[in-house]
Amino acid sequence: MACATILSGCLAIPPKDTTPEMRDDYLAAVASVGCVMRSEKQYLPVELQAGLTREQAVALTEYHLASGKAEKLPGDQGVKLMTGACA
């Protein structure tokens, strides 16, 4: 997650291989797991519900971090989404 680590060098541009519908499905899926992405326990259901690959789910998480719509949790405990149903 290079963008998650070095936000200043990243542009908040949605991943090229995702559509607006895929991004909406991602938001709904993350909301369904409690708005926090910590481990396989959250990533796998999000991927399955939204029809995403792991790379796409990670890229969308990085995009939301870069755009300020998600925040890293203290102690490397994952990422909390703060947009859509998670706002």
C-alpha atoms as a PDB file:
ATOM      1  CA  MET A   1       0.000   0.000   0.000  1.00  0.00           C
ATOM      2  CA  ALA A   2       2.449   2.601  -1.153  1.00  0.00           C
ATOM      3  CA  CYS A   3      -0.212   5.304  -1.413  1.00  0.00           C
ATOM      4  CA  ALA A   4      -1.443   4.589   2.094  1.00  0.00           C
ATOM      5  CA  THR A   5       2.060   5.094   3.407  1.00  0.00           C
ATOM      6  CA  ILE A   6       3.074   8.102   1.336  1.00  0.00           C
ATOM      7  CA  LEU A   7      -0.109  10.055   0.752  1.00  0.00           C
ATOM      8  CA  SER A   8       1.623  13.249  -0.297  1.00  0.00           C
ATOM      9  CA  GLY A   9       2.820  11.659  -3.544  1.00  0.00           C
ATOM     10  CA  CYS A  10      -0.536  10.165  -4.537  1.00  0.00           C
ATOM     11  CA  LEU A  11      -3.345  11.690  -6.499  1.00  0.00           C
ATOM     12  CA  ALA A  12      -6.873  10.863  -5.439  1.00  0.00           C
ATOM     13  CA  ILE A  13      -7.857   9.318  -8.763  1.00  0.00           C
ATOM     14  CA  PRO A  14     -10.041   6.201  -8.809  1.00  0.00           C
ATOM     15  CA  PRO A  15      -8.230   3.072  -9.999  1.00  0.00           C
ATOM     16  CA  LYS A  16      -8.378   2.798 -13.801  1.00  0.00           C
ATOM     17  CA  ASP A  17      -9.682  -0.769 -13.792  1.00  0.00           C
ATOM     18  CA  THR A  18     -12.795   0.114 -11.755  1.00  0.00           C
ATOM     19  CA  THR A  19     -16.113   1.517 -12.878  1.00  0.00           C
ATOM     20  CA  PRO A  20     -18.388   3.848 -10.909  1.00  0.00           C
ATOM     21  CA  GLU A  21     -20.676   0.856 -10.275  1.00  0.00           C
ATOM     22  CA  MET A  22     -17.749  -1.187  -8.900  1.00  0.00           C
ATOM     23  CA  ARG A  23     -16.803   1.709  -6.624  1.00  0.00           C
ATOM     24  CA  ASP A  24     -20.397   1.945  -5.343  1.00  0.00           C
ATOM     25  CA  ASP A  25     -20.480  -1.819  -4.781  1.00  0.00           C
ATOM     26  CA  TYR A  26     -17.210  -1.538  -2.831  1.00  0.00           C
ATOM     27  CA  LEU A  27     -18.700   1.144  -0.564  1.00  0.00           C
ATOM     28  CA  ALA A  28     -21.801  -0.952   0.114  1.00  0.00           C
ATOM     29  CA  ALA A  29     -19.708  -4.058   0.787  1.00  0.00           C
ATOM     30  CA  VAL A  30     -17.382  -2.238   3.199  1.00  0.00           C
ATOM     31  CA  ALA A  31     -20.417  -0.877   5.043  1.00  0.00           C
ATOM     32  CA  SER A  32     -21.743  -4.439   5.359  1.00  0.00           C
ATOM     33  CA  VAL A  33     -18.586  -5.521   7.242  1.00  0.00           C
ATOM     34  CA  GLY A  34     -18.737  -2.598   9.678  1.00  0.00           C
ATOM     35  CA  CYS A  35     -16.801   0.050   7.701  1.00  0.00           C
ATOM     36  CA  VAL A  36     -13.399  -1.255   8.853  1.00  0.00           C
ATOM     37  CA  MET A  37     -10.979  -3.219   6.697  1.00  0.00           C
ATOM     38  CA  ARG A  38      -8.529  -5.084   8.960  1.00  0.00           C
ATOM     39  CA  SER A  39      -7.810  -8.515   7.587  1.00  0.00           C
ATOM     40  CA  GLU A  40      -8.926 -11.358   5.361  1.00  0.00           C
ATOM     41  CA  LYS A  41     -12.096 -11.506   7.484  1.00  0.00           C
ATOM     42  CA  GLN A  42     -13.187  -8.168   5.957  1.00  0.00           C
ATOM     43  CA  TYR A  43     -11.416  -8.174   2.585  1.00  0.00           C
ATOM     44  CA  LEU A  44     -12.809 -11.497   1.358  1.00  0.00           C
ATOM     45  CA  PRO A  45     -16.508 -10.621   1.896  1.00  0.00           C
ATOM     46  CA  VAL A  46     -15.942  -7.192   0.344  1.00  0.00           C
ATOM     47  CA  GLU A  47     -14.298  -8.764  -2.702  1.00  0.00           C
ATOM     48  CA  LEU A  48     -17.067 -11.340  -3.101  1.00  0.00           C
ATOM     49  CA  GLN A  49     -19.953  -8.899  -2.565  1.00  0.00           C
ATOM     50  CA  ALA A  50     -18.521  -6.251  -4.870  1.00  0.00           C
ATOM     51  CA  GLY A  51     -17.138  -8.646  -7.499  1.00  0.00           C
ATOM     52  CA  LEU A  52     -13.608  -7.300  -7.079  1.00  0.00           C
ATOM     53  CA  THR A  53     -10.176  -8.844  -7.155  1.00  0.00           C
ATOM     54  CA  ARG A  54      -7.931  -8.380  -4.114  1.00  0.00           C
ATOM     55  CA  GLU A  55      -5.877  -5.879  -6.117  1.00  0.00           C
ATOM     56  CA  GLN A  56      -8.974  -3.831  -6.924  1.00  0.00           C
ATOM     57  CA  ALA A  57     -10.164  -3.870  -3.297  1.00  0.00           C
ATOM     58  CA  VAL A  58      -6.737  -2.747  -2.087  1.00  0.00           C
ATOM     59  CA  ALA A  59      -6.546  -0.078  -4.811  1.00  0.00           C
ATOM     60  CA  LEU A  60      -9.965   1.275  -3.843  1.00  0.00           C
ATOM     61  CA  THR A  61      -8.938   1.335  -0.177  1.00  0.00           C
ATOM     62  CA  GLU A  62      -5.774   3.261  -1.137  1.00  0.00           C
ATOM     63  CA  TYR A  63      -7.866   5.650  -3.240  1.00  0.00           C
ATOM     64  CA  HIS A  64     -10.154   6.402  -0.287  1.00  0.00           C
ATOM     65  CA  LEU A  65      -7.128   6.939   1.973  1.00  0.00           C
ATOM     66  CA  ALA A  66      -5.565   9.334  -0.549  1.00  0.00           C
ATOM     67  CA  SER A  67      -8.818  11.262  -0.970  1.00  0.00           C
ATOM     68  CA  GLY A  68      -9.386  11.608   2.790  1.00  0.00           C
ATOM     69  CA  LYS A  69     -12.477   9.392   2.731  1.00  0.00           C
ATOM     70  CA  ALA A  70     -10.800   6.755   4.886  1.00  0.00           C
ATOM     71  CA  GLU A  71      -8.312   6.796   7.730  1.00  0.00           C
ATOM     72  CA  LYS A  72      -5.674   4.413   8.960  1.00  0.00           C
ATOM     73  CA  LEU A  73      -6.446   3.093  12.414  1.00  0.00           C
ATOM     74  CA  PRO A  74      -3.819   3.439  15.150  1.00  0.00           C
ATOM     75  CA  GLY A  75      -1.306   0.653  15.594  1.00  0.00           C
ATOM     76  CA  ASP A  76      -1.720  -0.625  12.032  1.00  0.00           C
ATOM     77  CA  GLN A  77      -5.159  -1.997  12.942  1.00  0.00           C
ATOM     78  CA  GLY A  78      -6.596  -1.486   9.476  1.00  0.00           C
ATOM     79  CA  VAL A  79      -8.504   1.220   7.656  1.00  0.00           C
ATOM     80  CA  LYS A  80     -11.848   2.823   8.492  1.00  0.00           C
ATOM     81  CA  LEU A  81     -13.979   4.109   5.632  1.00  0.00           C
ATOM     82  CA  MET A  82     -15.664   7.485   6.299  1.00  0.00           C
ATOM     83  CA  THR A  83     -17.875   7.971   3.240  1.00  0.00           C
ATOM     84  CA  GLY A  84     -21.160   6.656   1.894  1.00  0.00           C
ATOM     85  CA  ALA A  85     -23.028   4.560   4.482  1.00  0.00           C
ATOM     86  CA  CYS A  86     -19.904   4.715   6.676  1.00  0.00           C
ATOM     87  CA  ALA A  87     -19.965   8.514   7.005  1.00  0.00           C
END
